């Protein structure tokens, strides 16, 4: 199904999803873009961030709105200032973390769309059990072509 030529979503129409310690504020999902891409603001608490992983299906890019972010790039942590664009091609091992004393907000996009469905399933698992069943999270991730790898060394 083709999306409309123009989609407008106001802040009051955004969907909020809580999972893995982060909050996703979905601005445009696959249903809004005909599956072409998804765009959201992710709010990550101090010290937070996903485990290192790669996507089989999506390219992903990031734009820190406030505060610095740290990205695992070429086998080392790289700190980037706000409003810096970071791109991770599908298949690339990547992660990020929040080195700030306050929550980090980042605009994130994936192509194709649908990443919000993965995040929603993880959110359901987090609501179901406390702490969440990590084996279930790994199975959910694999269904979406997302695979976790050994964590990078912390250097500071």
N, C-alpha and C. Protein backbone atom coordinates (compact mmCIF):
# COMPACT_ATOMS: atom_id res chain seq x y z
N UNK A 1 0.84 -1.19 0.00
CA UNK A 1 0.00 0.00 0.00
C UNK A 1 0.88 1.24 0.00
N UNK A 2 0.59 2.12 -0.89
CA UNK A 2 1.35 3.37 -0.98
C UNK A 2 0.92 4.33 0.12
N UNK A 3 1.89 5.01 0.75
CA UNK A 3 1.52 6.02 1.75
C UNK A 3 1.01 7.27 1.03
N UNK A 4 0.35 8.14 1.76
CA UNK A 4 -0.02 9.42 1.14
C UNK A 4 1.25 10.15 0.71
N UNK A 5 1.10 11.06 -0.24
CA UNK A 5 2.27 11.81 -0.70
C UNK A 5 2.86 12.66 0.41
N UNK A 6 2.04 13.10 1.34
CA UNK A 6 2.52 13.90 2.47
C UNK A 6 1.85 13.36 3.74
N UNK A 7 2.64 13.11 4.76
CA UNK A 7 2.12 12.69 6.05
C UNK A 7 2.54 13.72 7.08
N UNK A 8 1.61 14.17 7.88
CA UNK A 8 1.89 15.14 8.94
C UNK A 8 1.48 14.48 10.25
N UNK A 9 2.41 14.45 11.19
CA UNK A 9 2.11 13.93 12.54
C UNK A 9 2.53 15.00 13.53
N UNK A 10 1.58 15.49 14.30
CA UNK A 10 1.88 16.49 15.32
C UNK A 10 2.42 15.79 16.57
N UNK A 11 3.09 16.52 17.46
CA UNK A 11 3.60 15.89 18.67
C UNK A 11 2.53 15.13 19.46
N UNK A 12 1.31 15.61 19.47
CA UNK A 12 0.26 14.92 20.22
C UNK A 12 -0.11 13.58 19.59
N UNK A 13 0.27 13.36 18.34
CA UNK A 13 -0.01 12.10 17.66
C UNK A 13 1.12 11.09 17.78
N UNK A 14 2.25 11.51 18.34
CA UNK A 14 3.39 10.60 18.47
C UNK A 14 3.05 9.50 19.46
N UNK A 15 3.54 8.30 19.17
CA UNK A 15 3.36 7.17 20.07
C UNK A 15 4.62 7.02 20.91
N UNK A 16 4.47 6.78 22.20
CA UNK A 16 5.61 6.61 23.11
C UNK A 16 5.70 5.13 23.51
N UNK A 17 6.90 4.57 23.37
CA UNK A 17 7.14 3.17 23.69
C UNK A 17 8.31 3.11 24.66
N UNK A 18 8.15 2.40 25.78
CA UNK A 18 9.20 2.27 26.79
C UNK A 18 9.74 0.85 26.74
N UNK A 19 11.04 0.70 26.52
CA UNK A 19 11.66 -0.63 26.52
C UNK A 19 13.16 -0.49 26.71
N UNK A 20 13.77 -1.51 27.18
CA UNK A 20 15.22 -1.64 27.36
C UNK A 20 15.83 -0.42 28.06
N UNK A 21 15.05 0.21 28.92
CA UNK A 21 15.54 1.37 29.66
C UNK A 21 15.42 2.68 28.91
N UNK A 22 15.03 2.63 27.65
CA UNK A 22 14.90 3.83 26.83
C UNK A 22 13.44 4.13 26.54
N UNK A 23 13.20 5.35 26.07
CA UNK A 23 11.89 5.75 25.61
C UNK A 23 11.99 6.10 24.13
N UNK A 24 11.12 5.50 23.32
CA UNK A 24 11.03 5.82 21.90
C UNK A 24 9.79 6.69 21.71
N UNK A 25 9.99 7.86 21.13
CA UNK A 25 8.86 8.72 20.76
C UNK A 25 8.78 8.66 19.24
N UNK A 26 7.84 7.87 18.76
CA UNK A 26 7.73 7.59 17.33
C UNK A 26 7.07 8.76 16.60
N UNK A 27 7.83 9.36 15.67
CA UNK A 27 7.32 10.48 14.87
C UNK A 27 6.68 9.97 13.59
N UNK A 28 7.38 9.09 12.87
CA UNK A 28 6.87 8.48 11.64
C UNK A 28 7.26 7.01 11.65
N UNK A 29 6.27 6.15 11.55
CA UNK A 29 6.53 4.72 11.51
C UNK A 29 6.32 4.18 10.11
N UNK A 30 6.55 2.89 9.97
CA UNK A 30 6.38 2.24 8.67
C UNK A 30 4.98 2.46 8.10
N UNK A 31 3.97 2.46 8.98
CA UNK A 31 2.59 2.67 8.50
C UNK A 31 2.39 4.06 7.92
N UNK A 32 3.21 5.02 8.34
CA UNK A 32 3.10 6.40 7.83
C UNK A 32 3.87 6.61 6.54
N UNK A 33 4.83 5.73 6.26
CA UNK A 33 5.74 5.94 5.13
C UNK A 33 5.69 4.81 4.10
N UNK A 34 4.67 3.97 4.21
CA UNK A 34 4.59 2.83 3.29
C UNK A 34 5.74 1.87 3.48
N UNK A 35 6.29 1.83 4.70
CA UNK A 35 7.41 0.93 5.01
C UNK A 35 8.77 1.45 4.60
N UNK A 36 8.82 2.65 4.04
CA UNK A 36 10.09 3.18 3.54
C UNK A 36 11.10 3.47 4.65
N UNK A 37 10.64 4.06 5.77
CA UNK A 37 11.55 4.37 6.88
C UNK A 37 10.75 4.60 8.14
N UNK A 38 11.45 4.64 9.26
CA UNK A 38 10.88 5.02 10.56
C UNK A 38 11.76 6.11 11.15
N UNK A 39 11.14 7.02 11.90
CA UNK A 39 11.87 8.13 12.52
C UNK A 39 11.32 8.35 13.92
N UNK A 40 12.23 8.43 14.89
CA UNK A 40 11.81 8.63 16.27
C UNK A 40 12.87 9.38 17.05
N UNK A 41 12.47 9.91 18.20
CA UNK A 41 13.41 10.44 19.18
C UNK A 41 13.57 9.37 20.24
N UNK A 42 14.80 9.04 20.53
CA UNK A 42 15.08 8.07 21.59
C UNK A 42 15.68 8.82 22.78
N UNK A 43 15.14 8.56 23.95
CA UNK A 43 15.64 9.17 25.18
C UNK A 43 16.33 8.07 25.97
N UNK A 44 17.63 8.27 26.20
CA UNK A 44 18.47 7.27 26.86
C UNK A 44 18.97 7.85 28.18
N UNK A 45 18.79 7.12 29.28
CA UNK A 45 19.24 7.64 30.58
C UNK A 45 20.76 7.69 30.67
N UNK A 46 21.30 8.44 31.64
CA UNK A 46 22.75 8.48 31.82
C UNK A 46 23.33 7.07 31.94
N UNK A 47 24.42 6.84 31.20
CA UNK A 47 25.08 5.53 31.21
C UNK A 47 24.41 4.48 30.37
N UNK A 48 23.22 4.78 29.83
CA UNK A 48 22.45 3.80 29.07
C UNK A 48 22.88 3.71 27.62
N UNK A 49 22.37 2.70 26.97
CA UNK A 49 22.61 2.45 25.56
C UNK A 49 22.45 0.96 25.30
N UNK A 50 22.21 0.58 24.05
CA UNK A 50 21.99 -0.83 23.73
C UNK A 50 23.29 -1.63 23.73
N UNK A 51 23.17 -2.95 23.84
CA UNK A 51 24.37 -3.78 23.66
C UNK A 51 24.85 -3.67 22.21
N UNK A 52 26.12 -3.95 21.97
CA UNK A 52 26.61 -3.95 20.58
C UNK A 52 25.80 -4.95 19.76
N UNK A 53 25.47 -4.55 18.54
CA UNK A 53 24.62 -5.37 17.70
C UNK A 53 24.79 -4.98 16.24
N UNK A 54 24.18 -5.79 15.38
CA UNK A 54 24.09 -5.42 13.97
C UNK A 54 22.70 -5.78 13.47
N UNK A 55 22.30 -5.10 12.41
CA UNK A 55 21.00 -5.32 11.78
C UNK A 55 21.23 -5.99 10.43
N UNK A 56 20.48 -7.02 10.16
CA UNK A 56 20.51 -7.62 8.81
C UNK A 56 19.64 -6.83 7.84
N UNK A 57 18.66 -6.11 8.36
CA UNK A 57 17.64 -5.53 7.49
C UNK A 57 17.65 -4.01 7.36
N UNK A 58 18.19 -3.31 8.34
CA UNK A 58 18.07 -1.85 8.33
C UNK A 58 19.42 -1.14 8.31
N UNK A 59 19.46 -0.02 7.60
CA UNK A 59 20.47 1.00 7.80
C UNK A 59 19.90 1.91 8.89
N UNK A 60 20.80 2.52 9.67
CA UNK A 60 20.34 3.34 10.79
C UNK A 60 21.21 4.58 10.89
N UNK A 61 20.58 5.71 11.16
CA UNK A 61 21.37 6.91 11.40
C UNK A 61 20.83 7.66 12.60
N UNK A 62 21.75 8.42 13.20
CA UNK A 62 21.53 9.03 14.51
C UNK A 62 21.89 10.51 14.43
N UNK A 63 21.21 11.30 15.23
CA UNK A 63 21.49 12.73 15.32
C UNK A 63 21.23 13.16 16.76
N UNK A 64 22.29 13.23 17.61
CA UNK A 64 22.10 13.67 18.99
C UNK A 64 21.53 15.09 19.03
N UNK A 65 20.45 15.25 19.76
CA UNK A 65 19.79 16.56 19.86
C UNK A 65 20.41 17.39 20.97
N UNK A 66 20.61 16.77 22.13
CA UNK A 66 21.18 17.48 23.28
C UNK A 66 22.25 16.59 23.90
N UNK A 67 23.30 17.17 24.35
CA UNK A 67 24.36 16.39 24.98
C UNK A 67 25.19 15.61 23.97
N UNK A 68 26.33 15.15 24.44
CA UNK A 68 27.20 14.33 23.61
C UNK A 68 26.71 12.89 23.64
N UNK A 69 27.08 12.14 22.62
CA UNK A 69 26.83 10.71 22.56
C UNK A 69 28.15 10.03 22.25
N UNK A 70 28.28 8.79 22.68
CA UNK A 70 29.45 8.00 22.34
C UNK A 70 29.01 6.83 21.47
N UNK A 71 29.74 6.62 20.38
CA UNK A 71 29.45 5.54 19.43
C UNK A 71 30.65 4.62 19.32
N UNK A 72 30.37 3.34 19.15
CA UNK A 72 31.42 2.35 18.90
C UNK A 72 31.66 2.36 17.40
N UNK A 73 32.81 2.93 16.99
CA UNK A 73 33.17 3.10 15.58
C UNK A 73 34.58 2.57 15.39
N UNK A 74 34.74 1.67 14.44
CA UNK A 74 36.07 1.14 14.10
C UNK A 74 36.82 0.66 15.34
N UNK A 75 36.14 -0.15 16.15
CA UNK A 75 36.76 -0.78 17.33
C UNK A 75 37.20 0.19 18.42
N UNK A 76 36.57 1.37 18.49
CA UNK A 76 36.86 2.28 19.60
C UNK A 76 35.65 3.18 19.85
N UNK A 77 35.57 3.66 21.08
CA UNK A 77 34.52 4.61 21.42
C UNK A 77 34.88 5.98 20.88
N UNK A 78 33.93 6.63 20.23
CA UNK A 78 34.12 7.96 19.68
C UNK A 78 33.02 8.86 20.21
N UNK A 79 33.42 9.95 20.85
CA UNK A 79 32.46 10.90 21.41
C UNK A 79 32.11 11.91 20.32
N UNK A 80 30.81 12.17 20.17
CA UNK A 80 30.37 13.13 19.16
C UNK A 80 29.52 14.20 19.84
N UNK A 81 29.66 15.45 19.41
CA UNK A 81 28.87 16.54 19.99
C UNK A 81 27.44 16.51 19.46
N UNK A 82 26.55 17.28 20.10
CA UNK A 82 25.18 17.37 19.61
C UNK A 82 25.15 17.81 18.15
N UNK A 83 24.11 17.37 17.47
CA UNK A 83 23.83 17.75 16.09
C UNK A 83 24.90 17.24 15.12
N UNK A 84 25.49 16.09 15.48
CA UNK A 84 26.44 15.39 14.61
C UNK A 84 25.72 14.19 14.01
N UNK A 85 25.83 13.99 12.72
CA UNK A 85 25.18 12.86 12.05
C UNK A 85 26.10 11.64 12.12
N UNK A 86 25.53 10.50 12.49
CA UNK A 86 26.26 9.22 12.54
C UNK A 86 25.43 8.20 11.78
N UNK A 87 26.07 7.46 10.88
CA UNK A 87 25.40 6.48 10.04
C UNK A 87 25.97 5.10 10.31
N UNK A 88 25.11 4.10 10.45
CA UNK A 88 25.52 2.70 10.61
C UNK A 88 24.82 1.88 9.53
N UNK A 89 25.57 1.39 8.58
CA UNK A 89 25.01 0.57 7.49
C UNK A 89 24.59 -0.79 8.04
N UNK A 90 23.58 -1.38 7.43
CA UNK A 90 23.18 -2.73 7.83
C UNK A 90 24.40 -3.64 7.79
N UNK A 91 24.49 -4.51 8.77
CA UNK A 91 25.62 -5.43 8.87
C UNK A 91 26.77 -4.89 9.69
N UNK A 92 26.79 -3.59 9.97
CA UNK A 92 27.89 -3.02 10.76
C UNK A 92 27.61 -3.20 12.25
N UNK A 93 28.62 -3.60 12.99
CA UNK A 93 28.48 -3.73 14.44
C UNK A 93 28.56 -2.32 15.02
N UNK A 94 27.54 -1.97 15.81
CA UNK A 94 27.49 -0.62 16.35
C UNK A 94 26.74 -0.62 17.69
N UNK A 95 26.95 0.44 18.41
CA UNK A 95 26.20 0.74 19.62
C UNK A 95 26.45 2.19 19.97
N UNK A 96 25.71 2.67 20.95
CA UNK A 96 25.95 4.01 21.46
C UNK A 96 25.70 3.98 22.96
N UNK A 97 26.18 5.01 23.61
CA UNK A 97 25.90 5.16 25.05
C UNK A 97 25.81 6.64 25.38
N UNK A 98 25.17 6.89 26.51
CA UNK A 98 24.97 8.26 26.99
C UNK A 98 26.01 8.55 28.08
N UNK A 99 27.02 9.39 27.80
CA UNK A 99 28.04 9.71 28.80
C UNK A 99 27.67 10.91 29.68
N UNK A 100 26.47 11.44 29.49
CA UNK A 100 26.05 12.67 30.18
C UNK A 100 25.38 12.37 31.51
N UNK A 101 25.36 13.36 32.42
CA UNK A 101 24.66 13.17 33.69
C UNK A 101 23.14 13.35 33.56
N UNK A 102 22.66 13.74 32.37
CA UNK A 102 21.23 13.88 32.13
C UNK A 102 20.84 13.02 30.93
N UNK A 103 19.54 12.77 30.72
CA UNK A 103 19.10 11.94 29.59
C UNK A 103 19.57 12.52 28.26
N UNK A 104 19.91 11.63 27.36
CA UNK A 104 20.32 11.98 26.00
C UNK A 104 19.12 11.80 25.08
N UNK A 105 18.85 12.80 24.26
CA UNK A 105 17.82 12.70 23.23
C UNK A 105 18.50 12.63 21.88
N UNK A 106 18.12 11.61 21.09
CA UNK A 106 18.67 11.47 19.74
C UNK A 106 17.54 11.22 18.76
N UNK A 107 17.61 11.89 17.63
CA UNK A 107 16.73 11.58 16.52
C UNK A 107 17.37 10.38 15.81
N UNK A 108 16.59 9.32 15.60
CA UNK A 108 17.09 8.11 14.96
C UNK A 108 16.15 7.75 13.82
N UNK A 109 16.73 7.26 12.73
CA UNK A 109 15.95 6.79 11.59
C UNK A 109 16.48 5.46 11.11
N UNK A 110 15.58 4.62 10.64
CA UNK A 110 15.98 3.36 10.00
C UNK A 110 15.30 3.28 8.64
N UNK A 111 16.00 2.63 7.74
CA UNK A 111 15.45 2.36 6.43
C UNK A 111 15.74 0.90 6.11
N UNK A 112 14.76 0.09 5.78
CA UNK A 112 13.35 0.41 5.68
C UNK A 112 12.73 0.62 7.06
N UNK A 113 11.45 0.96 7.07
CA UNK A 113 10.73 1.20 8.31
C UNK A 113 10.34 -0.10 9.01
N UNK A 114 9.84 0.06 10.23
CA UNK A 114 9.35 -1.07 11.00
C UNK A 114 10.08 -1.33 12.29
N UNK A 115 11.16 -0.60 12.56
CA UNK A 115 11.92 -0.83 13.78
C UNK A 115 11.05 -0.66 15.02
N UNK A 116 10.02 0.17 14.91
CA UNK A 116 9.12 0.38 16.04
C UNK A 116 8.39 -0.91 16.44
N UNK A 117 8.21 -1.82 15.50
CA UNK A 117 7.56 -3.10 15.82
C UNK A 117 8.47 -3.95 16.71
N UNK A 118 9.76 -3.96 16.42
CA UNK A 118 10.72 -4.64 17.29
C UNK A 118 10.69 -4.04 18.69
N UNK A 119 10.74 -2.71 18.75
CA UNK A 119 10.78 -2.01 20.04
C UNK A 119 9.49 -2.29 20.83
N UNK A 120 8.36 -2.34 20.14
CA UNK A 120 7.07 -2.63 20.80
C UNK A 120 7.05 -4.03 21.38
N UNK A 121 7.57 -5.01 20.65
CA UNK A 121 7.61 -6.38 21.17
C UNK A 121 8.52 -6.46 22.39
N UNK A 122 9.66 -5.78 22.35
CA UNK A 122 10.54 -5.75 23.52
C UNK A 122 9.84 -5.09 24.70
N UNK A 123 9.09 -4.01 24.44
CA UNK A 123 8.36 -3.33 25.51
C UNK A 123 7.36 -4.27 26.16
N UNK A 124 6.68 -5.07 25.36
CA UNK A 124 5.71 -6.04 25.90
C UNK A 124 6.42 -7.05 26.79
N UNK A 125 7.59 -7.49 26.39
CA UNK A 125 8.35 -8.44 27.21
C UNK A 125 8.79 -7.79 28.52
N UNK A 126 9.18 -6.52 28.47
CA UNK A 126 9.58 -5.82 29.69
C UNK A 126 8.41 -5.65 30.64
N UNK A 127 7.21 -5.47 30.10
CA UNK A 127 6.02 -5.35 30.95
C UNK A 127 5.61 -6.70 31.53
N UNK A 128 5.90 -7.77 30.80
CA UNK A 128 5.47 -9.11 31.20
C UNK A 128 6.25 -9.65 32.38
N UNK A 129 7.56 -9.47 32.39
CA UNK A 129 8.39 -10.01 33.45
C UNK A 129 9.36 -8.95 33.94
N UNK A 130 9.68 -9.03 35.21
CA UNK A 130 10.66 -8.10 35.78
C UNK A 130 11.64 -8.89 36.63
N UNK A 131 12.90 -8.90 36.31
CA UNK A 131 13.49 -8.32 35.10
C UNK A 131 13.04 -9.09 33.86
N UNK A 132 13.21 -8.49 32.68
CA UNK A 132 12.76 -9.17 31.46
C UNK A 132 13.56 -10.44 31.22
N UNK A 133 12.94 -11.37 30.54
CA UNK A 133 13.60 -12.62 30.17
C UNK A 133 14.52 -12.33 28.98
N UNK A 134 15.82 -12.35 29.22
CA UNK A 134 16.77 -11.99 28.16
C UNK A 134 16.73 -12.96 26.99
N UNK A 135 16.45 -14.24 27.26
CA UNK A 135 16.32 -15.19 26.16
C UNK A 135 15.18 -14.79 25.23
N UNK A 136 14.09 -14.30 25.81
CA UNK A 136 12.96 -13.83 25.00
C UNK A 136 13.36 -12.61 24.17
N UNK A 137 14.11 -11.69 24.77
CA UNK A 137 14.57 -10.50 24.04
C UNK A 137 15.46 -10.91 22.87
N UNK A 138 16.34 -11.87 23.09
CA UNK A 138 17.23 -12.35 22.01
C UNK A 138 16.42 -12.99 20.89
N UNK A 139 15.38 -13.75 21.24
CA UNK A 139 14.52 -14.37 20.22
C UNK A 139 13.74 -13.32 19.45
N UNK A 140 13.21 -12.32 20.15
CA UNK A 140 12.51 -11.23 19.47
C UNK A 140 13.47 -10.53 18.51
N UNK A 141 14.67 -10.24 18.99
CA UNK A 141 15.67 -9.56 18.15
C UNK A 141 15.97 -10.36 16.89
N UNK A 142 16.16 -11.67 17.04
CA UNK A 142 16.49 -12.52 15.89
C UNK A 142 15.36 -12.51 14.86
N UNK A 143 14.11 -12.46 15.32
CA UNK A 143 12.98 -12.40 14.38
C UNK A 143 13.04 -11.16 13.52
N UNK A 144 13.66 -10.11 14.04
CA UNK A 144 13.78 -8.85 13.29
C UNK A 144 15.15 -8.69 12.65
N UNK A 145 15.97 -9.74 12.68
CA UNK A 145 17.28 -9.66 12.05
C UNK A 145 18.27 -8.79 12.80
N UNK A 146 18.12 -8.73 14.13
CA UNK A 146 19.02 -7.95 14.98
C UNK A 146 19.76 -8.93 15.87
N UNK A 147 21.10 -8.87 15.85
CA UNK A 147 21.92 -9.83 16.58
C UNK A 147 22.93 -9.11 17.45
N UNK A 148 23.06 -9.57 18.68
CA UNK A 148 23.97 -8.98 19.65
C UNK A 148 25.33 -9.67 19.58
N UNK A 149 26.38 -8.91 19.86
CA UNK A 149 27.76 -9.41 19.82
C UNK A 149 28.45 -9.08 21.12
N UNK A 150 29.69 -9.56 21.30
CA UNK A 150 30.44 -9.28 22.52
C UNK A 150 30.58 -7.79 22.73
N UNK A 151 30.47 -7.35 23.98
CA UNK A 151 30.54 -5.91 24.24
C UNK A 151 31.94 -5.35 24.04
N UNK A 152 32.02 -4.11 23.55
CA UNK A 152 33.32 -3.45 23.44
C UNK A 152 33.84 -3.11 24.83
N UNK A 153 35.14 -2.97 24.92
CA UNK A 153 35.78 -2.61 26.20
C UNK A 153 35.43 -1.17 26.57
N UNK A 154 35.18 -0.95 27.83
CA UNK A 154 34.96 0.42 28.34
C UNK A 154 36.32 1.02 28.61
N UNK A 155 36.57 2.19 28.04
CA UNK A 155 37.88 2.82 28.22
C UNK A 155 37.83 3.98 29.20
N UNK A 156 36.64 4.38 29.62
CA UNK A 156 36.52 5.45 30.63
C UNK A 156 35.15 5.42 31.22
